[in-house]
Amino acid sequence: MAGADSEEVEQTERRGGRWNPPSRCAHEAVAARRRIAAEICALVADGESVLLDSGTTCLEGARLLREQPVTVMPLSLQAVHLPGETPGPATLVVPGGQPRAAEGALTGSLTLASLAALRFDTATVGCCGLSAADGLTAYDLDDAAVKKAGIASARRVIAAADSSKLGRTASAHVAPGNGRRSGLGFRLYAAGVGPTQDCINVHRCV
């Protein structure tokens, strides 16, 4: 996967013992991301400060959070532009950084400095893999560094992961699966869809 929470759909995908056409698989993937985003936003209370990682699932979260009275700092250009399209009660904070060409994810020293200077009630973090053994992982080292900085700046972390990410491990480590970090307690939630694609499960990983 090229970037954070990139969720490309294969040309054909086997589900329930049959091969589904690409259009159906793509539709199911979008619907799954929207269900995950809705579950995550339901955990966010009015007045919170929220960090939104880059990636398609977090982008769906940005669409919903712009309708809530919260302060949001997105880490992708696509999510930054959303409040301007349809202004709502959300307050937008824009970080520094260099956008990556593929998905507009913000990375680099300016992004890291922005995260170090702020504290958030909730950080929603995308991932390429999430397992009990290896925790949260990503494929890109720069992306992993931004995720780590985001986790360090937040009181609560929500991992946005659909069923295709659960049990998988990518090359760059981001956070442990037991939800602990050096001396500071925090809760790591994983919001994901079940194998039948018809429900949302939010787990507390401790």
N, C-alpha and C. Protein backbone atom coordinates (compact mmCIF):
# COMPACT_ATOMS: atom_id res chain seq x y z
N MET A 1 0.83 -1.18 0.00
CA MET A 1 0.00 0.00 0.00
C MET A 1 0.87 1.24 0.00
N ALA A 2 0.54 2.21 -0.84
CA ALA A 2 1.42 3.35 -1.02
C ALA A 2 1.32 4.33 0.12
N GLY A 3 0.14 4.53 0.76
CA GLY A 3 0.02 5.54 1.78
C GLY A 3 -0.86 5.08 2.92
N ALA A 4 -1.09 6.00 3.85
CA ALA A 4 -1.86 5.66 5.04
C ALA A 4 -3.26 5.26 4.67
N ASP A 5 -3.66 4.11 5.20
CA ASP A 5 -5.02 3.66 5.04
C ASP A 5 -5.47 3.65 3.59
N SER A 6 -4.56 3.41 2.63
CA SER A 6 -4.95 3.27 1.24
C SER A 6 -5.73 1.99 1.09
N GLU A 7 -6.92 2.05 0.45
CA GLU A 7 -7.82 0.91 0.42
C GLU A 7 -8.26 0.62 -1.00
N GLU A 8 -7.30 0.25 -1.83
CA GLU A 8 -7.61 -0.07 -3.20
C GLU A 8 -8.34 -1.41 -3.25
N VAL A 9 -9.32 -1.51 -4.14
CA VAL A 9 -10.09 -2.72 -4.29
C VAL A 9 -9.54 -3.51 -5.47
N GLU A 10 -9.29 -4.79 -5.30
CA GLU A 10 -8.78 -5.63 -6.37
C GLU A 10 -9.82 -5.72 -7.48
N GLN A 11 -9.36 -6.09 -8.68
CA GLN A 11 -10.25 -6.18 -9.82
C GLN A 11 -11.38 -7.17 -9.57
N THR A 12 -11.08 -8.25 -8.90
CA THR A 12 -12.13 -9.16 -8.45
C THR A 12 -11.80 -9.58 -7.03
N GLU A 13 -12.82 -9.84 -6.25
CA GLU A 13 -12.61 -10.19 -4.85
C GLU A 13 -13.59 -11.30 -4.50
N ARG A 14 -13.09 -12.31 -3.84
CA ARG A 14 -13.93 -13.44 -3.50
C ARG A 14 -14.59 -13.22 -2.15
N ARG A 15 -15.92 -13.30 -2.12
CA ARG A 15 -16.67 -13.16 -0.89
C ARG A 15 -17.82 -14.15 -0.91
N GLY A 16 -17.97 -14.87 0.18
CA GLY A 16 -19.08 -15.79 0.31
C GLY A 16 -19.07 -16.88 -0.75
N GLY A 17 -17.89 -17.31 -1.21
CA GLY A 17 -17.80 -18.41 -2.15
C GLY A 17 -18.07 -18.03 -3.59
N ARG A 18 -18.13 -16.74 -3.90
CA ARG A 18 -18.37 -16.34 -5.29
C ARG A 18 -17.49 -15.16 -5.63
N TRP A 19 -17.28 -14.92 -6.90
CA TRP A 19 -16.47 -13.79 -7.34
C TRP A 19 -17.38 -12.63 -7.68
N ASN A 20 -17.13 -11.49 -7.03
CA ASN A 20 -17.95 -10.30 -7.25
C ASN A 20 -17.29 -9.39 -8.27
N PRO A 21 -18.07 -8.68 -9.07
CA PRO A 21 -17.51 -7.73 -10.04
C PRO A 21 -16.86 -6.56 -9.34
N PRO A 22 -15.92 -5.87 -10.00
CA PRO A 22 -15.20 -4.75 -9.38
C PRO A 22 -16.12 -3.67 -8.86
N SER A 23 -17.19 -3.33 -9.59
CA SER A 23 -18.06 -2.25 -9.18
C SER A 23 -18.74 -2.55 -7.85
N ARG A 24 -19.12 -3.80 -7.67
CA ARG A 24 -19.75 -4.18 -6.41
C ARG A 24 -18.75 -4.13 -5.27
N CYS A 25 -17.55 -4.63 -5.50
CA CYS A 25 -16.51 -4.60 -4.46
C CYS A 25 -16.18 -3.17 -4.07
N ALA A 26 -16.08 -2.29 -5.07
CA ALA A 26 -15.77 -0.89 -4.79
C ALA A 26 -16.88 -0.25 -3.96
N HIS A 27 -18.13 -0.56 -4.32
CA HIS A 27 -19.26 -0.01 -3.58
C HIS A 27 -19.24 -0.49 -2.14
N GLU A 28 -18.95 -1.78 -1.93
CA GLU A 28 -18.90 -2.33 -0.57
C GLU A 28 -17.78 -1.68 0.24
N ALA A 29 -16.63 -1.40 -0.41
CA ALA A 29 -15.50 -0.78 0.29
C ALA A 29 -15.86 0.62 0.75
N VAL A 30 -16.52 1.40 -0.10
CA VAL A 30 -16.92 2.76 0.27
C VAL A 30 -17.93 2.71 1.41
N ALA A 31 -18.89 1.80 1.31
CA ALA A 31 -19.91 1.68 2.36
C ALA A 31 -19.27 1.29 3.69
N ALA A 32 -18.28 0.41 3.64
CA ALA A 32 -17.60 0.00 4.87
C ALA A 32 -16.87 1.17 5.50
N ARG A 33 -16.17 1.96 4.68
CA ARG A 33 -15.45 3.12 5.21
C ARG A 33 -16.41 4.11 5.87
N ARG A 34 -17.57 4.30 5.26
CA ARG A 34 -18.53 5.24 5.82
C ARG A 34 -19.11 4.74 7.13
N ARG A 35 -19.33 3.45 7.24
CA ARG A 35 -19.84 2.89 8.50
C ARG A 35 -18.79 3.03 9.61
N ILE A 36 -17.53 2.77 9.26
CA ILE A 36 -16.46 2.92 10.25
C ILE A 36 -16.35 4.38 10.68
N ALA A 37 -16.40 5.30 9.72
CA ALA A 37 -16.29 6.72 10.04
C ALA A 37 -17.43 7.17 10.95
N ALA A 38 -18.63 6.68 10.69
CA ALA A 38 -19.79 7.05 11.52
C ALA A 38 -19.61 6.54 12.94
N GLU A 39 -19.08 5.32 13.09
CA GLU A 39 -18.86 4.77 14.43
C GLU A 39 -17.80 5.56 15.18
N ILE A 40 -16.75 5.95 14.48
CA ILE A 40 -15.70 6.74 15.11
C ILE A 40 -16.23 8.10 15.56
N CYS A 41 -16.99 8.77 14.69
CA CYS A 41 -17.51 10.10 15.02
C CYS A 41 -18.48 10.05 16.18
N ALA A 42 -19.16 8.91 16.37
CA ALA A 42 -20.07 8.76 17.49
C ALA A 42 -19.33 8.74 18.82
N LEU A 43 -18.04 8.43 18.80
CA LEU A 43 -17.22 8.42 20.01
C LEU A 43 -16.69 9.81 20.36
N VAL A 44 -16.83 10.76 19.45
CA VAL A 44 -16.29 12.12 19.64
C VAL A 44 -17.38 13.02 20.22
N ALA A 45 -17.08 13.63 21.35
CA ALA A 45 -18.04 14.53 22.00
C ALA A 45 -17.88 15.95 21.49
N ASP A 46 -18.95 16.73 21.58
CA ASP A 46 -18.90 18.14 21.21
C ASP A 46 -17.83 18.85 22.03
N GLY A 47 -17.10 19.73 21.37
CA GLY A 47 -16.07 20.50 22.05
C GLY A 47 -14.70 19.86 22.05
N GLU A 48 -14.59 18.62 21.58
CA GLU A 48 -13.29 17.94 21.56
C GLU A 48 -12.39 18.52 20.47
N SER A 49 -11.09 18.33 20.69
CA SER A 49 -10.11 18.59 19.64
C SER A 49 -9.73 17.24 19.05
N VAL A 50 -9.75 17.15 17.72
CA VAL A 50 -9.61 15.86 17.04
C VAL A 50 -8.52 15.95 15.97
N LEU A 51 -7.62 14.99 15.99
CA LEU A 51 -6.62 14.84 14.94
C LEU A 51 -7.10 13.76 13.99
N LEU A 52 -7.11 14.06 12.69
CA LEU A 52 -7.55 13.11 11.67
C LEU A 52 -6.37 12.74 10.79
N ASP A 53 -6.02 11.49 10.78
CA ASP A 53 -4.94 11.00 9.94
C ASP A 53 -5.34 11.09 8.47
N SER A 54 -4.38 10.88 7.58
CA SER A 54 -4.68 10.79 6.16
C SER A 54 -5.30 9.43 5.87
N GLY A 55 -5.83 9.25 4.68
CA GLY A 55 -6.44 7.99 4.30
C GLY A 55 -7.92 8.13 4.02
N THR A 56 -8.46 7.17 3.29
CA THR A 56 -9.83 7.26 2.82
C THR A 56 -10.85 7.15 3.94
N THR A 57 -10.60 6.30 4.92
CA THR A 57 -11.55 6.17 6.02
C THR A 57 -11.59 7.44 6.86
N CYS A 58 -10.43 8.01 7.14
CA CYS A 58 -10.38 9.26 7.89
C CYS A 58 -10.98 10.41 7.10
N LEU A 59 -10.88 10.35 5.77
CA LEU A 59 -11.51 11.37 4.94
C LEU A 59 -13.03 11.33 5.10
N GLU A 60 -13.59 10.13 5.18
CA GLU A 60 -15.03 10.01 5.43
C GLU A 60 -15.37 10.57 6.81
N GLY A 61 -14.46 10.38 7.76
CA GLY A 61 -14.67 10.96 9.08
C GLY A 61 -14.68 12.47 9.05
N ALA A 62 -13.85 13.06 8.20
CA ALA A 62 -13.81 14.52 8.08
C ALA A 62 -15.13 15.07 7.55
N ARG A 63 -15.75 14.33 6.65
CA ARG A 63 -17.04 14.76 6.11
C ARG A 63 -18.10 14.85 7.21
N LEU A 64 -18.03 13.93 8.16
CA LEU A 64 -19.00 13.92 9.24
C LEU A 64 -18.65 14.92 10.34
N LEU A 65 -17.38 15.02 10.67
CA LEU A 65 -16.97 15.89 11.77
C LEU A 65 -17.15 17.36 11.47
N ARG A 66 -17.19 17.74 10.19
CA ARG A 66 -17.40 19.15 9.88
C ARG A 66 -18.79 19.62 10.30
N GLU A 67 -19.69 18.66 10.59
CA GLU A 67 -21.04 19.00 11.05
C GLU A 67 -21.15 19.01 12.57
N GLN A 68 -20.02 18.76 13.27
CA GLN A 68 -20.03 18.76 14.74
C GLN A 68 -19.25 19.96 15.27
N PRO A 69 -19.63 20.47 16.44
CA PRO A 69 -18.89 21.59 17.05
C PRO A 69 -17.61 21.09 17.72
N VAL A 70 -16.64 20.75 16.91
CA VAL A 70 -15.35 20.26 17.39
C VAL A 70 -14.24 21.02 16.67
N THR A 71 -13.02 20.89 17.18
CA THR A 71 -11.84 21.44 16.51
C THR A 71 -11.11 20.28 15.84
N VAL A 72 -10.87 20.41 14.54
CA VAL A 72 -10.31 19.30 13.76
C VAL A 72 -9.03 19.74 13.06
N MET A 73 -7.99 18.90 13.18
CA MET A 73 -6.78 19.11 12.39
C MET A 73 -6.57 17.88 11.50
N PRO A 74 -6.85 18.00 10.20
CA PRO A 74 -6.65 16.88 9.29
C PRO A 74 -5.20 16.81 8.83
N LEU A 75 -4.76 15.62 8.47
CA LEU A 75 -3.40 15.42 7.99
C LEU A 75 -3.36 15.05 6.51
N SER A 76 -4.36 15.52 5.78
CA SER A 76 -4.35 15.35 4.32
C SER A 76 -4.99 16.57 3.67
N LEU A 77 -4.54 16.90 2.46
CA LEU A 77 -5.09 18.07 1.77
C LEU A 77 -6.55 17.90 1.44
N GLN A 78 -6.97 16.66 1.09
CA GLN A 78 -8.37 16.42 0.77
C GLN A 78 -9.27 16.77 1.95
N ALA A 79 -8.89 16.35 3.14
CA ALA A 79 -9.71 16.62 4.33
C ALA A 79 -9.65 18.09 4.71
N VAL A 80 -8.52 18.75 4.48
CA VAL A 80 -8.41 20.19 4.77
C VAL A 80 -9.39 20.98 3.93
N HIS A 81 -9.61 20.57 2.68
CA HIS A 81 -10.47 21.31 1.76
C HIS A 81 -11.95 21.12 2.05
N LEU A 82 -12.33 20.07 2.76
CA LEU A 82 -13.74 19.76 2.97
C LEU A 82 -14.53 20.87 3.67
N PRO A 83 -14.03 21.45 4.77
CA PRO A 83 -14.81 22.50 5.44
C PRO A 83 -15.10 23.69 4.53
N GLY A 84 -14.20 23.96 3.59
CA GLY A 84 -14.43 25.08 2.67
C GLY A 84 -15.54 24.80 1.68
N GLU A 85 -15.75 23.53 1.35
CA GLU A 85 -16.81 23.17 0.41
C GLU A 85 -18.19 23.37 1.02
N THR A 86 -18.35 22.90 2.25
CA THR A 86 -19.62 23.05 2.97
C THR A 86 -19.31 23.45 4.41
N PRO A 87 -19.19 24.74 4.68
CA PRO A 87 -18.84 25.18 6.03
C PRO A 87 -19.85 24.71 7.07
N GLY A 88 -19.35 24.30 8.22
CA GLY A 88 -20.21 23.85 9.31
C GLY A 88 -19.69 24.38 10.63
N PRO A 89 -20.15 23.83 11.74
CA PRO A 89 -19.74 24.33 13.06
C PRO A 89 -18.33 23.94 13.48
N ALA A 90 -17.70 23.03 12.76
CA ALA A 90 -16.35 22.59 13.13
C ALA A 90 -15.33 23.70 12.90
N THR A 91 -14.33 23.76 13.77
CA THR A 91 -13.21 24.69 13.63
C THR A 91 -12.03 23.95 13.02
N LEU A 92 -11.48 24.49 11.95
CA LEU A 92 -10.39 23.84 11.23
C LEU A 92 -9.04 24.39 11.67
N VAL A 93 -8.10 23.48 11.96
CA VAL A 93 -6.71 23.84 12.21
C VAL A 93 -5.87 23.14 11.15
N VAL A 94 -5.02 23.90 10.47
CA VAL A 94 -4.23 23.35 9.36
C VAL A 94 -2.77 23.21 9.77
N PRO A 95 -2.21 22.00 9.66
CA PRO A 95 -0.80 21.79 10.02
C PRO A 95 0.12 22.19 8.88
N GLY A 96 1.40 22.28 9.16
CA GLY A 96 2.38 22.43 8.10
C GLY A 96 2.73 21.08 7.52
N GLY A 97 3.61 21.07 6.55
CA GLY A 97 4.06 19.80 5.99
C GLY A 97 4.09 19.78 4.48
N GLN A 98 4.64 18.70 3.95
CA GLN A 98 4.73 18.49 2.52
C GLN A 98 3.72 17.44 2.09
N PRO A 99 2.79 17.79 1.19
CA PRO A 99 1.80 16.81 0.73
C PRO A 99 2.42 15.81 -0.23
N ARG A 100 2.13 14.55 -0.03
CA ARG A 100 2.60 13.53 -0.95
C ARG A 100 1.67 13.48 -2.14
N ALA A 101 2.26 13.28 -3.31
CA ALA A 101 1.52 13.40 -4.56
C ALA A 101 0.36 12.43 -4.66
N ALA A 102 0.53 11.21 -4.20
CA ALA A 102 -0.47 10.17 -4.43
C ALA A 102 -1.79 10.46 -3.72
N GLU A 103 -1.73 10.73 -2.41
CA GLU A 103 -2.98 10.88 -1.66
C GLU A 103 -3.07 12.17 -0.87
N GLY A 104 -2.09 13.07 -1.01
CA GLY A 104 -2.15 14.36 -0.33
C GLY A 104 -1.85 14.29 1.15
N ALA A 105 -1.28 13.18 1.63
CA ALA A 105 -0.93 13.06 3.04
C ALA A 105 0.19 14.02 3.37
N LEU A 106 0.08 14.68 4.53
CA LEU A 106 1.09 15.64 4.96
C LEU A 106 2.15 14.94 5.81
N THR A 107 3.41 15.12 5.42
CA THR A 107 4.52 14.50 6.14
C THR A 107 5.66 15.50 6.24
N GLY A 108 6.73 15.11 6.93
CA GLY A 108 7.91 15.94 7.02
C GLY A 108 8.04 16.67 8.34
N SER A 109 9.11 17.44 8.46
CA SER A 109 9.45 18.09 9.73
C SER A 109 8.40 19.10 10.18
N LEU A 110 7.78 19.81 9.24
CA LEU A 110 6.76 20.79 9.62
C LEU A 110 5.52 20.11 10.19
N THR A 111 5.15 18.96 9.63
CA THR A 111 4.02 18.21 10.17
C THR A 111 4.33 17.72 11.57
N LEU A 112 5.53 17.18 11.75
CA LEU A 112 5.93 16.69 13.07
C LEU A 112 5.98 17.82 14.09
N ALA A 113 6.45 19.00 13.67
CA ALA A 113 6.50 20.15 14.57
C ALA A 113 5.10 20.60 14.97
N SER A 114 4.17 20.58 14.03
CA SER A 114 2.79 20.96 14.32
C SER A 114 2.18 20.03 15.35
N LEU A 115 2.44 18.73 15.19
CA LEU A 115 1.88 17.76 16.13
C LEU A 115 2.52 17.89 17.51
N ALA A 116 3.81 18.18 17.55
CA ALA A 116 4.51 18.32 18.83
C ALA A 116 4.02 19.54 19.60
N ALA A 117 3.53 20.55 18.89
CA ALA A 117 3.11 21.80 19.53
C ALA A 117 1.69 21.75 20.06
N LEU A 118 0.93 20.71 19.73
CA LEU A 118 -0.49 20.66 20.07
C LEU A 118 -0.83 19.40 20.87
N ARG A 119 -1.98 19.44 21.53
CA ARG A 119 -2.52 18.28 22.23
C ARG A 119 -3.98 18.10 21.81
N PHE A 120 -4.37 16.84 21.64
CA PHE A 120 -5.71 16.53 21.15
C PHE A 120 -6.43 15.61 22.13
N ASP A 121 -7.75 15.76 22.17
CA ASP A 121 -8.56 14.82 22.95
C ASP A 121 -8.58 13.45 22.28
N THR A 122 -8.71 13.46 20.96
CA THR A 122 -8.81 12.21 20.20
C THR A 122 -7.96 12.29 18.94
N ALA A 123 -7.23 11.24 18.66
CA ALA A 123 -6.53 11.10 17.39
C ALA A 123 -7.09 9.87 16.68
N THR A 124 -7.57 10.06 15.46
CA THR A 124 -8.02 8.95 14.63
C THR A 124 -6.90 8.62 13.66
N VAL A 125 -6.38 7.40 13.76
CA VAL A 125 -5.20 7.01 13.01
C VAL A 125 -5.53 5.87 12.06
N GLY A 126 -5.19 6.05 10.80
CA GLY A 126 -5.34 4.97 9.83
C GLY A 126 -4.14 4.04 9.91
N CYS A 127 -4.27 2.88 9.33
CA CYS A 127 -3.16 1.93 9.38
C CYS A 127 -3.22 0.99 8.19
N CYS A 128 -2.09 0.32 7.96
CA CYS A 128 -2.02 -0.70 6.92
C CYS A 128 -2.16 -2.09 7.51
N GLY A 129 -1.90 -2.20 8.81
CA GLY A 129 -2.04 -3.46 9.50
C GLY A 129 -2.31 -3.23 10.97
N LEU A 130 -3.07 -4.14 11.59
CA LEU A 130 -3.37 -4.05 13.01
C LEU A 130 -3.49 -5.46 13.56
N SER A 131 -2.58 -5.82 14.45
CA SER A 131 -2.60 -7.16 15.03
C SER A 131 -2.24 -7.10 16.50
N ALA A 132 -2.65 -8.14 17.25
CA ALA A 132 -2.34 -8.20 18.67
C ALA A 132 -0.84 -8.32 18.90
N ALA A 133 -0.15 -9.03 18.01
CA ALA A 133 1.28 -9.26 18.19
C ALA A 133 2.12 -8.04 17.83
N ASP A 134 1.80 -7.39 16.72
CA ASP A 134 2.64 -6.30 16.21
C ASP A 134 2.01 -4.93 16.31
N GLY A 135 0.77 -4.85 16.73
CA GLY A 135 0.13 -3.56 16.91
C GLY A 135 -0.20 -2.88 15.60
N LEU A 136 -0.12 -1.55 15.64
CA LEU A 136 -0.42 -0.71 14.48
C LEU A 136 0.82 -0.60 13.60
N THR A 137 0.68 -0.86 12.31
CA THR A 137 1.82 -0.78 11.39
C THR A 137 1.43 -0.06 10.11
N ALA A 138 2.44 0.46 9.42
CA ALA A 138 2.26 1.15 8.14
C ALA A 138 3.36 0.71 7.19
N TYR A 139 3.22 1.05 5.91
CA TYR A 139 4.23 0.66 4.93
C TYR A 139 5.27 1.75 4.68
N ASP A 140 4.92 3.00 4.93
CA ASP A 140 5.81 4.11 4.63
C ASP A 140 6.42 4.65 5.92
N LEU A 141 7.75 4.83 5.94
CA LEU A 141 8.43 5.27 7.16
C LEU A 141 8.05 6.69 7.56
N ASP A 142 7.95 7.60 6.59
CA ASP A 142 7.56 8.97 6.90
C ASP A 142 6.14 9.02 7.45
N ASP A 143 5.26 8.23 6.84
CA ASP A 143 3.89 8.15 7.30
C ASP A 143 3.83 7.59 8.73
N ALA A 144 4.63 6.58 9.00
CA ALA A 144 4.68 5.99 10.34
C ALA A 144 5.14 7.01 11.38
N ALA A 145 6.11 7.85 11.01
CA ALA A 145 6.61 8.87 11.93
C ALA A 145 5.51 9.87 12.29
N VAL A 146 4.69 10.25 11.31
CA VAL A 146 3.58 11.18 11.57
C VAL A 146 2.54 10.52 12.47
N LYS A 147 2.25 9.26 12.22
CA LYS A 147 1.28 8.55 13.06
C LYS A 147 1.77 8.48 14.51
N LYS A 148 3.04 8.17 14.69
CA LYS A 148 3.61 8.10 16.05
C LYS A 148 3.48 9.45 16.75
N ALA A 149 3.79 10.51 16.04
CA ALA A 149 3.70 11.85 16.63
C ALA A 149 2.25 12.19 16.97
N GLY A 150 1.33 11.77 16.12
CA GLY A 150 -0.09 12.01 16.39
C GLY A 150 -0.55 11.27 17.63
N ILE A 151 -0.14 10.02 17.77
CA ILE A 151 -0.49 9.22 18.95
C ILE A 151 0.08 9.86 20.21
N ALA A 152 1.31 10.35 20.14
CA ALA A 152 1.95 10.97 21.30
C ALA A 152 1.25 12.25 21.73
N SER A 153 0.53 12.89 20.81
CA SER A 153 -0.11 14.17 21.12
C SER A 153 -1.55 14.02 21.60
N ALA A 154 -2.07 12.79 21.67
CA ALA A 154 -3.49 12.60 21.94
C ALA A 154 -3.75 11.87 23.25
N ARG A 155 -4.86 12.21 23.89
CA ARG A 155 -5.28 11.52 25.11
C ARG A 155 -5.90 10.16 24.76
N ARG A 156 -6.60 10.09 23.65
CA ARG A 156 -7.24 8.86 23.22
C ARG A 156 -6.92 8.62 21.74
N VAL A 157 -6.70 7.37 21.40
CA VAL A 157 -6.38 7.02 20.01
C VAL A 157 -7.43 6.05 19.49
N ILE A 158 -7.96 6.36 18.31
CA ILE A 158 -8.89 5.47 17.63
C ILE A 158 -8.23 5.01 16.34
N ALA A 159 -8.04 3.71 16.21
CA ALA A 159 -7.46 3.16 14.99
C ALA A 159 -8.57 2.84 14.00
N ALA A 160 -8.52 3.43 12.83
CA ALA A 160 -9.52 3.18 11.79
C ALA A 160 -9.03 2.04 10.92
N ALA A 161 -9.66 0.88 11.07
CA ALA A 161 -9.20 -0.30 10.33
C ALA A 161 -10.38 -1.17 9.95
N ASP A 162 -10.51 -1.47 8.66
CA ASP A 162 -11.56 -2.40 8.27
C ASP A 162 -11.03 -3.82 8.40
N SER A 163 -11.87 -4.80 8.10
CA SER A 163 -11.51 -6.20 8.35
C SER A 163 -10.30 -6.66 7.55
N SER A 164 -10.01 -5.99 6.43
CA SER A 164 -8.86 -6.40 5.63
C SER A 164 -7.54 -6.06 6.30
N LYS A 165 -7.55 -5.14 7.28
CA LYS A 165 -6.32 -4.73 7.96
C LYS A 165 -6.07 -5.53 9.23
N LEU A 166 -7.12 -6.12 9.79
CA LEU A 166 -6.99 -6.82 11.06
C LEU A 166 -6.20 -8.11 10.89
N GLY A 167 -5.22 -8.32 11.76
CA GLY A 167 -4.38 -9.49 11.69
C GLY A 167 -3.22 -9.38 10.73
N ARG A 168 -3.08 -8.22 10.06
CA ARG A 168 -1.99 -8.01 9.11
C ARG A 168 -0.89 -7.18 9.75
N THR A 169 0.33 -7.32 9.22
CA THR A 169 1.47 -6.55 9.70
C THR A 169 2.21 -5.94 8.52
N ALA A 170 2.43 -4.61 8.57
CA ALA A 170 3.23 -3.92 7.56
C ALA A 170 4.64 -3.70 8.12
N SER A 171 5.50 -3.09 7.34
CA SER A 171 6.92 -3.05 7.68
C SER A 171 7.30 -2.03 8.74
N ALA A 172 6.56 -0.92 8.85
CA ALA A 172 6.93 0.15 9.77
C ALA A 172 6.04 0.13 11.01
N HIS A 173 6.65 -0.04 12.18
CA HIS A 173 5.89 -0.10 13.43
C HIS A 173 5.43 1.29 13.85
N VAL A 174 4.18 1.36 14.32
CA VAL A 174 3.60 2.63 14.76
C VAL A 174 3.29 2.62 16.25
N ALA A 175 2.54 1.61 16.71
CA ALA A 175 2.14 1.56 18.12
C ALA A 175 1.92 0.12 18.53
N PRO A 176 2.14 -0.20 19.80
CA PRO A 176 1.93 -1.57 20.27
C PRO A 176 0.46 -1.95 20.29
N GLY A 177 0.20 -3.23 20.17
CA GLY A 177 -1.18 -3.70 20.16
C GLY A 177 -1.82 -3.71 21.52
N ASN A 178 -1.02 -3.63 22.58
CA ASN A 178 -1.61 -3.68 23.92
C ASN A 178 -2.07 -2.32 24.42
N GLY A 179 -1.93 -1.27 23.57
CA GLY A 179 -2.45 0.04 23.95
C GLY A 179 -1.69 0.71 25.07
N ARG A 180 -0.40 0.42 25.20
CA ARG A 180 0.38 1.06 26.25
C ARG A 180 1.54 1.84 25.63
N ARG A 181 1.89 2.92 26.27
CA ARG A 181 3.05 3.68 25.81
C ARG A 181 3.79 4.22 27.01
N SER A 182 5.09 4.16 26.94
CA SER A 182 6.03 4.54 27.98
C SER A 182 5.50 5.45 29.07
N GLY A 183 4.98 4.83 30.13
CA GLY A 183 4.60 5.58 31.31
C GLY A 183 3.27 6.29 31.24
N LEU A 184 2.66 6.39 30.07
CA LEU A 184 1.41 7.12 29.93
C LEU A 184 0.32 6.16 29.50
N GLY A 185 -0.74 6.11 30.29
CA GLY A 185 -1.83 5.22 29.92
C GLY A 185 -2.70 5.84 28.84
N PHE A 186 -3.13 5.06 27.89
CA PHE A 186 -4.09 5.54 26.90
C PHE A 186 -4.86 4.36 26.36
N ARG A 187 -5.97 4.64 25.75
CA ARG A 187 -6.83 3.60 25.21
C ARG A 187 -6.73 3.61 23.70
N LEU A 188 -6.51 2.45 23.16
CA LEU A 188 -6.44 2.30 21.71
C LEU A 188 -7.66 1.51 21.27
N TYR A 189 -8.52 2.17 20.49
CA TYR A 189 -9.70 1.51 19.98
C TYR A 189 -9.46 1.16 18.52
N ALA A 190 -10.05 0.06 18.09
CA ALA A 190 -10.02 -0.30 16.67
C ALA A 190 -11.45 -0.34 16.17
N ALA A 191 -11.77 0.49 15.22
CA ALA A 191 -13.10 0.48 14.63
C ALA A 191 -13.03 -0.27 13.32
N GLY A 192 -13.77 -1.33 13.21
CA GLY A 192 -13.68 -2.13 11.99
C GLY A 192 -14.97 -2.83 11.67
N VAL A 193 -15.06 -3.36 10.47
CA VAL A 193 -16.26 -4.06 10.05
C VAL A 193 -16.05 -5.56 10.19
N GLY A 194 -17.11 -6.27 10.49
CA GLY A 194 -17.05 -7.71 10.61
C GLY A 194 -16.95 -8.37 9.25
N PRO A 195 -16.69 -9.69 9.20
CA PRO A 195 -16.50 -10.41 7.94
C PRO A 195 -17.70 -10.32 7.01
N THR A 196 -18.90 -10.14 7.58
CA THR A 196 -20.10 -10.08 6.75
C THR A 196 -20.37 -8.69 6.22
N GLN A 197 -19.53 -7.73 6.59
CA GLN A 197 -19.65 -6.35 6.13
C GLN A 197 -20.97 -5.70 6.55
N ASP A 198 -21.61 -6.22 7.61
CA ASP A 198 -22.90 -5.67 7.97
C ASP A 198 -22.94 -5.10 9.38
N CYS A 199 -21.80 -4.98 10.03
CA CYS A 199 -21.81 -4.44 11.39
C CYS A 199 -20.48 -3.79 11.69
N ILE A 200 -20.49 -2.96 12.72
CA ILE A 200 -19.29 -2.28 13.18
C ILE A 200 -18.93 -2.81 14.55
N ASN A 201 -17.68 -3.10 14.76
CA ASN A 201 -17.21 -3.53 16.07
C ASN A 201 -16.16 -2.54 16.56
N VAL A 202 -16.35 -2.01 17.75
CA VAL A 202 -15.36 -1.13 18.37
C VAL A 202 -14.77 -1.87 19.55
N HIS A 203 -13.47 -2.08 19.53
CA HIS A 203 -12.80 -2.87 20.55
C HIS A 203 -11.87 -1.98 21.36
N ARG A 204 -11.80 -2.24 22.64
CA ARG A 204 -10.78 -1.60 23.47
C ARG A 204 -9.62 -2.58 23.56
N CYS A 205 -8.46 -2.15 23.09
CA CYS A 205 -7.28 -3.01 23.09
C CYS A 205 -6.43 -2.67 24.30
N VAL A 206 -6.33 -3.57 25.27
CA VAL A 206 -5.55 -3.28 26.48
C VAL A 206 -4.63 -4.46 26.74
